[in-house]
Amino acid sequence: MCLCATDSEVKSWVDIGDGSSVETVDEFRYLGEVLSVDGEADAAVTARIHSCWFKYRSLASFLTAKDVSLWFQGKVYDACVLSCMLHGSETWSLKRENELALHRTEMRMI
């Protein structure tokens, strides 16, 4: 039984042997990374941007504190927020629009 399908979607299934079958999908999450069937990085970049904003918001009070040095705030930003945004980026085949989305996100945070 599939709870995620709507009536307008056409589902296809692949037999994996021993009477089991798996639904084919356009994109899925594996080990925190979003993989799409077309191999493009759009879904992965969008997911990482959302994850990055969540991490930034959880650290916002520290990153905007007046009593913490800018150097230390920058180190924490690089270690926590920036690394969250770029996690898995070694495997992405980026288009110019993906690069711009990542750059815009970073500039909004700074």
PDB file of N, CA and C in Angstrom:
ATOM      1  N   MET A   1       0.843  -1.178   0.000  1.00  0.00           N
ATOM      2  CA  MET A   1       0.000   0.000   0.000  1.00  0.00           C
ATOM      3  C   MET A   1       0.888   1.242   0.000  1.00  0.00           C
ATOM      4  N   CYS A   2       0.591   2.179  -0.867  1.00  0.00           N
ATOM      5  CA  CYS A   2       1.366   3.419  -0.957  1.00  0.00           C
ATOM      6  C   CYS A   2       0.507   4.576  -0.474  1.00  0.00           C
ATOM      7  N   LEU A   3       0.972   5.272   0.562  1.00  0.00           N
ATOM      8  CA  LEU A   3       0.225   6.391   1.120  1.00  0.00           C
ATOM      9  C   LEU A   3       0.588   7.720   0.494  1.00  0.00           C
ATOM     10  N   CYS A   4       1.663   7.739  -0.328  1.00  0.00           N
ATOM     11  CA  CYS A   4       2.150   9.004  -0.865  1.00  0.00           C
ATOM     12  C   CYS A   4       1.619   9.301  -2.264  1.00  0.00           C
ATOM     13  N   ALA A   5       0.955   8.387  -2.898  1.00  0.00           N
ATOM     14  CA  ALA A   5       0.515   8.580  -4.280  1.00  0.00           C
ATOM     15  C   ALA A   5      -0.849   9.248  -4.320  1.00  0.00           C
ATOM     16  N   THR A   6      -1.030  10.072  -5.328  1.00  0.00           N
ATOM     17  CA  THR A   6      -2.343  10.639  -5.573  1.00  0.00           C
ATOM     18  C   THR A   6      -2.964   9.902  -6.746  1.00  0.00           C
ATOM     19  N   ASP A   7      -4.220  10.148  -6.993  1.00  0.00           N
ATOM     20  CA  ASP A   7      -4.918   9.440  -8.068  1.00  0.00           C
ATOM     21  C   ASP A   7      -4.375   9.794  -9.437  1.00  0.00           C
ATOM     22  N   SER A   8      -3.831  11.014  -9.599  1.00  0.00           N
ATOM     23  CA  SER A   8      -3.353  11.445 -10.906  1.00  0.00           C
ATOM     24  C   SER A   8      -1.971  10.900 -11.238  1.00  0.00           C
ATOM     25  N   GLU A   9      -1.244  10.386 -10.232  1.00  0.00           N
ATOM     26  CA  GLU A   9       0.094   9.874 -10.476  1.00  0.00           C
ATOM     27  C   GLU A   9       0.029   8.429 -10.977  1.00  0.00           C
ATOM     28  N   VAL A  10       0.916   8.115 -11.896  1.00  0.00           N
ATOM     29  CA  VAL A  10       1.032   6.757 -12.391  1.00  0.00           C
ATOM     30  C   VAL A  10       2.235   6.140 -11.705  1.00  0.00           C
ATOM     31  N   LYS A  11       2.011   5.057 -10.987  1.00  0.00           N
ATOM     32  CA  LYS A  11       3.077   4.409 -10.243  1.00  0.00           C
ATOM     33  C   LYS A  11       3.578   3.202 -11.020  1.00  0.00           C
ATOM     34  N   SER A  12       4.867   2.982 -10.963  1.00  0.00           N
ATOM     35  CA  SER A  12       5.427   1.778 -11.546  1.00  0.00           C
ATOM     36  C   SER A  12       6.241   1.066 -10.482  1.00  0.00           C
ATOM     37  N   TRP A  13       6.303  -0.218 -10.586  1.00  0.00           N
ATOM     38  CA  TRP A  13       6.969  -1.040  -9.590  1.00  0.00           C
ATOM     39  C   TRP A  13       7.996  -1.912 -10.288  1.00  0.00           C
ATOM     40  N   VAL A  14       9.085  -2.195  -9.591  1.00  0.00           N
ATOM     41  CA  VAL A  14      10.150  -3.048 -10.107  1.00  0.00           C
ATOM     42  C   VAL A  14      10.226  -4.279  -9.225  1.00  0.00           C
ATOM     43  N   ASP A  15      10.216  -5.463  -9.853  1.00  0.00           N
ATOM     44  CA  ASP A  15      10.324  -6.709  -9.119  1.00  0.00           C
ATOM     45  C   ASP A  15      11.790  -6.939  -8.759  1.00  0.00           C
ATOM     46  N   ILE A  16      12.076  -7.145  -7.467  1.00  0.00           N
ATOM     47  CA  ILE A  16      13.460  -7.355  -7.034  1.00  0.00           C
ATOM     48  C   ILE A  16      13.718  -8.810  -6.657  1.00  0.00           C
ATOM     49  N   GLY A  17      12.838  -9.669  -6.996  1.00  0.00           N
ATOM     50  CA  GLY A  17      13.008 -11.091  -6.701  1.00  0.00           C
ATOM     51  C   GLY A  17      12.300 -11.484  -5.432  1.00  0.00           C
ATOM     52  N   ASP A  18      12.213 -12.727  -5.186  1.00  0.00           N
ATOM     53  CA  ASP A  18      11.552 -13.386  -4.050  1.00  0.00           C
ATOM     54  C   ASP A  18      10.172 -12.805  -3.742  1.00  0.00           C
ATOM     55  N   GLY A  19       9.465 -12.378  -4.779  1.00  0.00           N
ATOM     56  CA  GLY A  19       8.111 -11.874  -4.615  1.00  0.00           C
ATOM     57  C   GLY A  19       8.003 -10.453  -4.103  1.00  0.00           C
ATOM     58  N   SER A  20       9.128  -9.751  -3.956  1.00  0.00           N
ATOM     59  CA  SER A  20       9.114  -8.373  -3.472  1.00  0.00           C
ATOM     60  C   SER A  20       9.195  -7.406  -4.640  1.00  0.00           C
ATOM     61  N   SER A  21       8.596  -6.256  -4.461  1.00  0.00           N
ATOM     62  CA  SER A  21       8.688  -5.218  -5.485  1.00  0.00           C
ATOM     63  C   SER A  21       8.905  -3.872  -4.811  1.00  0.00           C
ATOM     64  N   VAL A  22       9.518  -2.955  -5.569  1.00  0.00           N
ATOM     65  CA  VAL A  22       9.850  -1.631  -5.071  1.00  0.00           C
ATOM     66  C   VAL A  22       9.252  -0.601  -6.017  1.00  0.00           C
ATOM     67  N   GLU A  23       8.705   0.449  -5.441  1.00  0.00           N
ATOM     68  CA  GLU A  23       8.136   1.532  -6.239  1.00  0.00           C
ATOM     69  C   GLU A  23       9.251   2.384  -6.836  1.00  0.00           C
ATOM     70  N   THR A  24       9.132   2.763  -8.097  1.00  0.00           N
ATOM     71  CA  THR A  24      10.089   3.678  -8.706  1.00  0.00           C
ATOM     72  C   THR A  24       9.629   5.104  -8.427  1.00  0.00           C
ATOM     73  N   VAL A  25      10.587   5.971  -8.080  1.00  0.00           N
ATOM     74  CA  VAL A  25      10.287   7.356  -7.737  1.00  0.00           C
ATOM     75  C   VAL A  25      11.235   8.282  -8.491  1.00  0.00           C
ATOM     76  N   ASP A  26      10.888   9.563  -8.544  1.00  0.00           N
ATOM     77  CA  ASP A  26      11.722  10.544  -9.238  1.00  0.00           C
ATOM     78  C   ASP A  26      12.895  11.017  -8.384  1.00  0.00           C
ATOM     79  N   GLU A  27      12.703  11.094  -7.078  1.00  0.00           N
ATOM     80  CA  GLU A  27      13.794  11.473  -6.189  1.00  0.00           C
ATOM     81  C   GLU A  27      13.582  10.822  -4.829  1.00  0.00           C
ATOM     82  N   PHE A  28      14.691  10.601  -4.132  1.00  0.00           N
ATOM     83  CA  PHE A  28      14.625   9.983  -2.818  1.00  0.00           C
ATOM     84  C   PHE A  28      15.794  10.457  -1.971  1.00  0.00           C
ATOM     85  N   ARG A  29      15.659  10.281  -0.662  1.00  0.00           N
ATOM     86  CA  ARG A  29      16.688  10.709   0.272  1.00  0.00           C
ATOM     87  C   ARG A  29      17.435   9.471   0.743  1.00  0.00           C
ATOM     88  N   TYR A  30      18.772   9.521   0.628  1.00  0.00           N
ATOM     89  CA  TYR A  30      19.620   8.428   1.071  1.00  0.00           C
ATOM     90  C   TYR A  30      20.784   9.014   1.855  1.00  0.00           C
ATOM     91  N   LEU A  31      20.923   8.638   3.109  1.00  0.00           N
ATOM     92  CA  LEU A  31      21.973   9.132   3.998  1.00  0.00           C
ATOM     93  C   LEU A  31      22.012  10.661   4.044  1.00  0.00           C
ATOM     94  N   GLY A  32      20.828  11.274   4.052  1.00  0.00           N
ATOM     95  CA  GLY A  32      20.736  12.721   4.147  1.00  0.00           C
ATOM     96  C   GLY A  32      20.886  13.453   2.827  1.00  0.00           C
ATOM     97  N   GLU A  33      21.162  12.753   1.768  1.00  0.00           N
ATOM     98  CA  GLU A  33      21.361  13.371   0.457  1.00  0.00           C
ATOM     99  C   GLU A  33      20.146  13.080  -0.419  1.00  0.00           C
ATOM    100  N   VAL A  34      19.660  14.077  -1.144  1.00  0.00           N
ATOM    101  CA  VAL A  34      18.536  13.895  -2.051  1.00  0.00           C
ATOM    102  C   VAL A  34      19.087  13.544  -3.424  1.00  0.00           C
ATOM    103  N   LEU A  35      18.676  12.403  -3.921  1.00  0.00           N
ATOM    104  CA  LEU A  35      19.114  11.937  -5.232  1.00  0.00           C
ATOM    105  C   LEU A  35      17.927  11.957  -6.177  1.00  0.00           C
ATOM    106  N   SER A  36      18.148  12.439  -7.392  1.00  0.00           N
ATOM    107  CA  SER A  36      17.063  12.483  -8.370  1.00  0.00           C
ATOM    108  C   SER A  36      17.383  11.560  -9.531  1.00  0.00           C
ATOM    109  N   VAL A  37      16.339  11.139 -10.197  1.00  0.00           N
ATOM    110  CA  VAL A  37      16.500  10.165 -11.265  1.00  0.00           C
ATOM    111  C   VAL A  37      17.232  10.761 -12.475  1.00  0.00           C
ATOM    112  N   ASP A  38      17.131  12.075 -12.673  1.00  0.00           N
ATOM    113  CA  ASP A  38      17.798  12.702 -13.811  1.00  0.00           C
ATOM    114  C   ASP A  38      19.263  13.032 -13.536  1.00  0.00           C
ATOM    115  N   GLY A  39      19.716  12.856 -12.294  1.00  0.00           N
ATOM    116  CA  GLY A  39      21.114  13.078 -11.951  1.00  0.00           C
ATOM    117  C   GLY A  39      21.488  14.532 -11.717  1.00  0.00           C
ATOM    118  N   GLU A  40      20.525  15.430 -11.795  1.00  0.00           N
ATOM    119  CA  GLU A  40      20.826  16.837 -11.564  1.00  0.00           C
ATOM    120  C   GLU A  40      20.823  17.149 -10.076  1.00  0.00           C
ATOM    121  N   ALA A  41      21.426  18.255  -9.717  1.00  0.00           N
ATOM    122  CA  ALA A  41      21.626  18.598  -8.311  1.00  0.00           C
ATOM    123  C   ALA A  41      20.567  19.556  -7.771  1.00  0.00           C
ATOM    124  N   ASP A  42      19.538  19.861  -8.525  1.00  0.00           N
ATOM    125  CA  ASP A  42      18.539  20.841  -8.079  1.00  0.00           C
ATOM    126  C   ASP A  42      17.906  20.454  -6.744  1.00  0.00           C
ATOM    127  N   ALA A  43      17.451  19.227  -6.630  1.00  0.00           N
ATOM    128  CA  ALA A  43      16.799  18.776  -5.406  1.00  0.00           C
ATOM    129  C   ALA A  43      17.791  18.736  -4.243  1.00  0.00           C
ATOM    130  N   ALA A  44      19.014  18.319  -4.506  1.00  0.00           N
ATOM    131  CA  ALA A  44      20.035  18.251  -3.460  1.00  0.00           C
ATOM    132  C   ALA A  44      20.395  19.645  -2.963  1.00  0.00           C
ATOM    133  N   VAL A  45      20.539  20.596  -3.868  1.00  0.00           N
ATOM    134  CA  VAL A  45      20.886  21.970  -3.483  1.00  0.00           C
ATOM    135  C   VAL A  45      19.752  22.579  -2.661  1.00  0.00           C
ATOM    136  N   THR A  46      18.530  22.389  -3.087  1.00  0.00           N
ATOM    137  CA  THR A  46      17.386  22.919  -2.348  1.00  0.00           C
ATOM    138  C   THR A  46      17.312  22.315  -0.949  1.00  0.00           C
ATOM    139  N   ALA A  47      17.524  21.011  -0.839  1.00  0.00           N
ATOM    140  CA  ALA A  47      17.491  20.355   0.471  1.00  0.00           C
ATOM    141  C   ALA A  47      18.609  20.863   1.376  1.00  0.00           C
ATOM    142  N   ARG A  48      19.806  21.068   0.826  1.00  0.00           N
ATOM    143  CA  ARG A  48      20.920  21.555   1.631  1.00  0.00           C
ATOM    144  C   ARG A  48      20.689  22.998   2.073  1.00  0.00           C
ATOM    145  N   ILE A  49      20.070  23.809   1.221  1.00  0.00           N
ATOM    146  CA  ILE A  49      19.761  25.193   1.592  1.00  0.00           C
ATOM    147  C   ILE A  49      18.763  25.219   2.744  1.00  0.00           C
ATOM    148  N   HIS A  50      17.737  24.374   2.683  1.00  0.00           N
ATOM    149  CA  HIS A  50      16.763  24.302   3.783  1.00  0.00           C
ATOM    150  C   HIS A  50      17.441  23.843   5.070  1.00  0.00           C
ATOM    151  N   SER A  51      18.288  22.843   4.962  1.00  0.00           N
ATOM    152  CA  SER A  51      19.009  22.341   6.125  1.00  0.00           C
ATOM    153  C   SER A  51      19.933  23.409   6.715  1.00  0.00           C
ATOM    154  N   CYS A  52      20.570  24.147   5.834  1.00  0.00           N
ATOM    155  CA  CYS A  52      21.479  25.211   6.252  1.00  0.00           C
ATOM    156  C   CYS A  52      20.727  26.318   6.988  1.00  0.00           C
ATOM    157  N   TRP A  53      19.569  26.720   6.490  1.00  0.00           N
ATOM    158  CA  TRP A  53      18.775  27.746   7.162  1.00  0.00           C
ATOM    159  C   TRP A  53      18.323  27.268   8.542  1.00  0.00           C
ATOM    160  N   PHE A  54      17.979  25.989   8.647  1.00  0.00           N
ATOM    161  CA  PHE A  54      17.589  25.451   9.949  1.00  0.00           C
ATOM    162  C   PHE A  54      18.753  25.553  10.931  1.00  0.00           C
ATOM    163  N   LYS A  55      19.942  25.195  10.488  1.00  0.00           N
ATOM    164  CA  LYS A  55      21.131  25.268  11.348  1.00  0.00           C
ATOM    165  C   LYS A  55      21.435  26.727  11.705  1.00  0.00           C
ATOM    166  N   TYR A  56      21.325  27.625  10.721  1.00  0.00           N
ATOM    167  CA  TYR A  56      21.588  29.045  10.972  1.00  0.00           C
ATOM    168  C   TYR A  56      20.623  29.599  12.023  1.00  0.00           C
ATOM    169  N   ARG A  57      19.349  29.267  11.895  1.00  0.00           N
ATOM    170  CA  ARG A  57      18.359  29.778  12.850  1.00  0.00           C
ATOM    171  C   ARG A  57      18.601  29.235  14.252  1.00  0.00           C
ATOM    172  N   SER A  58      19.077  28.006  14.327  1.00  0.00           N
ATOM    173  CA  SER A  58      19.349  27.456  15.661  1.00  0.00           C
ATOM    174  C   SER A  58      20.556  28.132  16.312  1.00  0.00           C
ATOM    175  N   LEU A  59      21.455  28.711  15.511  1.00  0.00           N
ATOM    176  CA  LEU A  59      22.635  29.394  16.036  1.00  0.00           C
ATOM    177  C   LEU A  59      22.538  30.919  15.963  1.00  0.00           C
ATOM    178  N   ALA A  60      21.397  31.440  15.552  1.00  0.00           N
ATOM    179  CA  ALA A  60      21.274  32.878  15.304  1.00  0.00           C
ATOM    180  C   ALA A  60      21.576  33.723  16.529  1.00  0.00           C
ATOM    181  N   SER A  61      21.155  33.294  17.695  1.00  0.00           N
ATOM    182  CA  SER A  61      21.419  34.106  18.891  1.00  0.00           C
ATOM    183  C   SER A  61      22.920  34.199  19.173  1.00  0.00           C
ATOM    184  N   PHE A  62      23.655  33.125  18.918  1.00  0.00           N
ATOM    185  CA  PHE A  62      25.105  33.161  19.101  1.00  0.00           C
ATOM    186  C   PHE A  62      25.786  33.977  18.006  1.00  0.00           C
ATOM    187  N   LEU A  63      25.339  33.785  16.754  1.00  0.00           N
ATOM    188  CA  LEU A  63      25.992  34.455  15.627  1.00  0.00           C
ATOM    189  C   LEU A  63      25.745  35.957  15.599  1.00  0.00           C
ATOM    190  N   THR A  64      24.746  36.417  16.324  1.00  0.00           N
ATOM    191  CA  THR A  64      24.464  37.858  16.375  1.00  0.00           C
ATOM    192  C   THR A  64      24.778  38.467  17.738  1.00  0.00           C
ATOM    193  N   ALA A  65      25.384  37.704  18.627  1.00  0.00           N
ATOM    194  CA  ALA A  65      25.710  38.195  19.971  1.00  0.00           C
ATOM    195  C   ALA A  65      26.802  39.260  19.893  1.00  0.00           C
ATOM    196  N   LYS A  66      26.652  40.297  20.691  1.00  0.00           N
ATOM    197  CA  LYS A  66      27.619  41.397  20.705  1.00  0.00           C
ATOM    198  C   LYS A  66      28.848  41.086  21.558  1.00  0.00           C
ATOM    199  N   ASP A  67      28.719  40.178  22.516  1.00  0.00           N
ATOM    200  CA  ASP A  67      29.822  39.892  23.425  1.00  0.00           C
ATOM    201  C   ASP A  67      30.747  38.768  22.938  1.00  0.00           C
ATOM    202  N   VAL A  68      30.507  38.248  21.732  1.00  0.00           N
ATOM    203  CA  VAL A  68      31.351  37.200  21.147  1.00  0.00           C
ATOM    204  C   VAL A  68      32.130  37.819  19.990  1.00  0.00           C
ATOM    205  N   SER A  69      33.405  37.512  19.905  1.00  0.00           N
ATOM    206  CA  SER A  69      34.230  38.123  18.859  1.00  0.00           C
ATOM    207  C   SER A  69      33.780  37.678  17.465  1.00  0.00           C
ATOM    208  N   LEU A  70      33.946  38.571  16.499  1.00  0.00           N
ATOM    209  CA  LEU A  70      33.584  38.245  15.113  1.00  0.00           C
ATOM    210  C   LEU A  70      34.413  37.081  14.579  1.00  0.00           C
ATOM    211  N   TRP A  71      35.656  36.995  15.012  1.00  0.00           N
ATOM    212  CA  TRP A  71      36.517  35.902  14.573  1.00  0.00           C
ATOM    213  C   TRP A  71      35.926  34.559  15.003  1.00  0.00           C
ATOM    214  N   PHE A  72      35.499  34.475  16.279  1.00  0.00           N
ATOM    215  CA  PHE A  72      34.934  33.228  16.786  1.00  0.00           C
ATOM    216  C   PHE A  72      33.584  32.924  16.136  1.00  0.00           C
ATOM    217  N   GLN A  73      32.775  33.954  15.928  1.00  0.00           N
ATOM    218  CA  GLN A  73      31.498  33.756  15.239  1.00  0.00           C
ATOM    219  C   GLN A  73      31.723  33.230  13.826  1.00  0.00           C
ATOM    220  N   GLY A  74      32.740  33.765  13.155  1.00  0.00           N
ATOM    221  CA  GLY A  74      33.064  33.296  11.813  1.00  0.00           C
ATOM    222  C   GLY A  74      33.510  31.851  11.799  1.00  0.00           C
ATOM    223  N   LYS A  75      34.303  31.458  12.784  1.00  0.00           N
ATOM    224  CA  LYS A  75      34.741  30.067  12.883  1.00  0.00           C
ATOM    225  C   LYS A  75      33.559  29.128  13.102  1.00  0.00           C
ATOM    226  N   VAL A  76      32.641  29.521  13.982  1.00  0.00           N
ATOM    227  CA  VAL A  76      31.452  28.697  14.238  1.00  0.00           C
ATOM    228  C   VAL A  76      30.571  28.647  12.998  1.00  0.00           C
ATOM    229  N   TYR A  77      30.416  29.787  12.316  1.00  0.00           N
ATOM    230  CA  TYR A  77      29.628  29.818  11.080  1.00  0.00           C
ATOM    231  C   TYR A  77      30.224  28.867  10.044  1.00  0.00           C
ATOM    232  N   ASP A  78      31.525  28.936   9.843  1.00  0.00           N
ATOM    233  CA  ASP A  78      32.181  28.056   8.872  1.00  0.00           C
ATOM    234  C   ASP A  78      32.024  26.590   9.247  1.00  0.00           C
ATOM    235  N   ALA A  79      32.213  26.286  10.533  1.00  0.00           N
ATOM    236  CA  ALA A  79      32.194  24.895  10.972  1.00  0.00           C
ATOM    237  C   ALA A  79      30.791  24.301  10.975  1.00  0.00           C
ATOM    238  N   CYS A  80      29.802  25.087  11.334  1.00  0.00           N
ATOM    239  CA  CYS A  80      28.455  24.544  11.495  1.00  0.00           C
ATOM    240  C   CYS A  80      27.537  24.828  10.306  1.00  0.00           C
ATOM    241  N   VAL A  81      27.424  26.080   9.951  1.00  0.00           N
ATOM    242  CA  VAL A  81      26.444  26.470   8.938  1.00  0.00           C
ATOM    243  C   VAL A  81      26.956  26.180   7.533  1.00  0.00           C
ATOM    244  N   LEU A  82      28.146  26.666   7.215  1.00  0.00           N
ATOM    245  CA  LEU A  82      28.681  26.490   5.865  1.00  0.00           C
ATOM    246  C   LEU A  82      28.931  25.022   5.547  1.00  0.00           C
ATOM    247  N   SER A  83      29.439  24.282   6.509  1.00  0.00           N
ATOM    248  CA  SER A  83      29.661  22.856   6.259  1.00  0.00           C
ATOM    249  C   SER A  83      28.341  22.111   6.064  1.00  0.00           C
ATOM    250  N   CYS A  84      27.292  22.565   6.733  1.00  0.00           N
ATOM    251  CA  CYS A  84      25.970  21.972   6.549  1.00  0.00           C
ATOM    252  C   CYS A  84      25.449  22.226   5.132  1.00  0.00           C
ATOM    253  N   MET A  85      25.686  23.437   4.629  1.00  0.00           N
ATOM    254  CA  MET A  85      25.210  23.779   3.292  1.00  0.00           C
ATOM    255  C   MET A  85      25.970  23.008   2.216  1.00  0.00           C
ATOM    256  N   LEU A  86      27.246  22.784   2.416  1.00  0.00           N
ATOM    257  CA  LEU A  86      28.064  22.178   1.374  1.00  0.00           C
ATOM    258  C   LEU A  86      28.271  20.683   1.545  1.00  0.00           C
ATOM    259  N   HIS A  87      27.609  20.075   2.525  1.00  0.00           N
ATOM    260  CA  HIS A  87      27.753  18.641   2.742  1.00  0.00           C
ATOM    261  C   HIS A  87      27.314  17.860   1.499  1.00  0.00           C
ATOM    262  N   GLY A  88      28.170  17.039   0.994  1.00  0.00           N
ATOM    263  CA  GLY A  88      27.858  16.235  -0.179  1.00  0.00           C
ATOM    264  C   GLY A  88      28.044  16.945  -1.501  1.00  0.00           C
ATOM    265  N   SER A  89      28.522  18.180  -1.477  1.00  0.00           N
ATOM    266  CA  SER A  89      28.611  18.960  -2.718  1.00  0.00           C
ATOM    267  C   SER A  89      29.680  18.432  -3.674  1.00  0.00           C
ATOM    268  N   GLU A  90      30.560  17.574  -3.190  1.00  0.00           N
ATOM    269  CA  GLU A  90      31.590  17.018  -4.070  1.00  0.00           C
ATOM    270  C   GLU A  90      30.971  16.171  -5.179  1.00  0.00           C
ATOM    271  N   THR A  91      29.776  15.658  -4.947  1.00  0.00           N
ATOM    272  CA  THR A  91      29.142  14.777  -5.924  1.00  0.00           C
ATOM    273  C   THR A  91      28.116  15.485  -6.804  1.00  0.00           C
ATOM    274  N   TRP A  92      27.901  16.777  -6.577  1.00  0.00           N
ATOM    275  CA  TRP A  92      26.903  17.501  -7.354  1.00  0.00           C
ATOM    276  C   TRP A  92      27.473  17.922  -8.694  1.00  0.00           C
ATOM    277  N   SER A  93      26.644  17.856  -9.722  1.00  0.00           N
ATOM    278  CA  SER A  93      26.992  18.466 -11.002  1.00  0.00           C
ATOM    279  C   SER A  93      26.187  19.766 -11.086  1.00  0.00           C
ATOM    280  N   LEU A  94      26.820  20.853 -10.661  1.00  0.00           N
ATOM    281  CA  LEU A  94      26.125  22.128 -10.507  1.00  0.00           C
ATOM    282  C   LEU A  94      25.942  22.860 -11.825  1.00  0.00           C
ATOM    283  N   LYS A  95      24.805  23.504 -11.921  1.00  0.00           N
ATOM    284  CA  LYS A  95      24.555  24.456 -12.995  1.00  0.00           C
ATOM    285  C   LYS A  95      24.765  25.844 -12.405  1.00  0.00           C
ATOM    286  N   ARG A  96      24.833  26.827 -13.251  1.00  0.00           N
ATOM    287  CA  ARG A  96      25.056  28.203 -12.799  1.00  0.00           C
ATOM    288  C   ARG A  96      23.959  28.654 -11.837  1.00  0.00           C
ATOM    289  N   GLU A  97      22.719  28.258 -12.084  1.00  0.00           N
ATOM    290  CA  GLU A  97      21.619  28.671 -11.204  1.00  0.00           C
ATOM    291  C   GLU A  97      21.748  28.043  -9.809  1.00  0.00           C
ATOM    292  N   ASN A  98      22.310  26.831  -9.722  1.00  0.00           N
ATOM    293  CA  ASN A  98      22.565  26.221  -8.415  1.00  0.00           C
ATOM    294  C   ASN A  98      23.644  26.981  -7.658  1.00  0.00           C
ATOM    295  N   GLU A  99      24.701  27.366  -8.351  1.00  0.00           N
ATOM    296  CA  GLU A  99      25.766  28.145  -7.720  1.00  0.00           C
ATOM    297  C   GLU A  99      25.231  29.474  -7.207  1.00  0.00           C
ATOM    298  N   LEU A 100      24.393  30.117  -8.009  1.00  0.00           N
ATOM    299  CA  LEU A 100      23.815  31.393  -7.594  1.00  0.00           C
ATOM    300  C   LEU A 100      22.906  31.230  -6.383  1.00  0.00           C
ATOM    301  N   ALA A 101      22.145  30.150  -6.325  1.00  0.00           N
ATOM    302  CA  ALA A 101      21.265  29.916  -5.177  1.00  0.00           C
ATOM    303  C   ALA A 101      22.090  29.729  -3.907  1.00  0.00           C
ATOM    304  N   LEU A 102      23.174  28.982  -3.993  1.00  0.00           N
ATOM    305  CA  LEU A 102      24.044  28.793  -2.835  1.00  0.00           C
ATOM    306  C   LEU A 102      24.701  30.107  -2.416  1.00  0.00           C
ATOM    307  N   HIS A 103      25.143  30.886  -3.392  1.00  0.00           N
ATOM    308  CA  HIS A 103      25.777  32.163  -3.103  1.00  0.00           C
ATOM    309  C   HIS A 103      24.788  33.145  -2.466  1.00  0.00           C
ATOM    310  N   ARG A 104      23.568  33.212  -3.010  1.00  0.00           N
ATOM    311  CA  ARG A 104      22.541  34.104  -2.446  1.00  0.00           C
ATOM    312  C   ARG A 104      22.215  33.727  -1.008  1.00  0.00           C
ATOM    313  N   THR A 105      22.149  32.420  -0.754  1.00  0.00           N
ATOM    314  CA  THR A 105      21.851  31.963   0.612  1.00  0.00           C
ATOM    315  C   THR A 105      22.949  32.405   1.568  1.00  0.00           C
ATOM    316  N   GLU A 106      24.198  32.219   1.156  1.00  0.00           N
ATOM    317  CA  GLU A 106      25.287  32.613   2.040  1.00  0.00           C
ATOM    318  C   GLU A 106      25.305  34.126   2.263  1.00  0.00           C
ATOM    319  N   MET A 107      25.050  34.913   1.228  1.00  0.00           N
ATOM    320  CA  MET A 107      25.052  36.365   1.374  1.00  0.00           C
ATOM    321  C   MET A 107      23.907  36.842   2.266  1.00  0.00           C
ATOM    322  N   ARG A 108      22.764  36.163   2.253  1.00  0.00           N
ATOM    323  CA  ARG A 108      21.672  36.545   3.142  1.00  0.00           C
ATOM    324  C   ARG A 108      22.009  36.275   4.595  1.00  0.00           C
ATOM    325  N   MET A 109      22.797  35.255   4.826  1.00  0.00           N
ATOM    326  CA  MET A 109      23.175  34.920   6.205  1.00  0.00           C
ATOM    327  C   MET A 109      24.235  35.839   6.755  1.00  0.00           C
ATOM    328  N   ILE A 110      25.091  36.317   5.909  1.00  0.00           N
ATOM    329  CA  ILE A 110      26.179  37.185   6.352  1.00  0.00           C
ATOM    330  C   ILE A 110      25.623  38.563   6.513  1.00  0.00           C
TER     331      ILE A 110
END
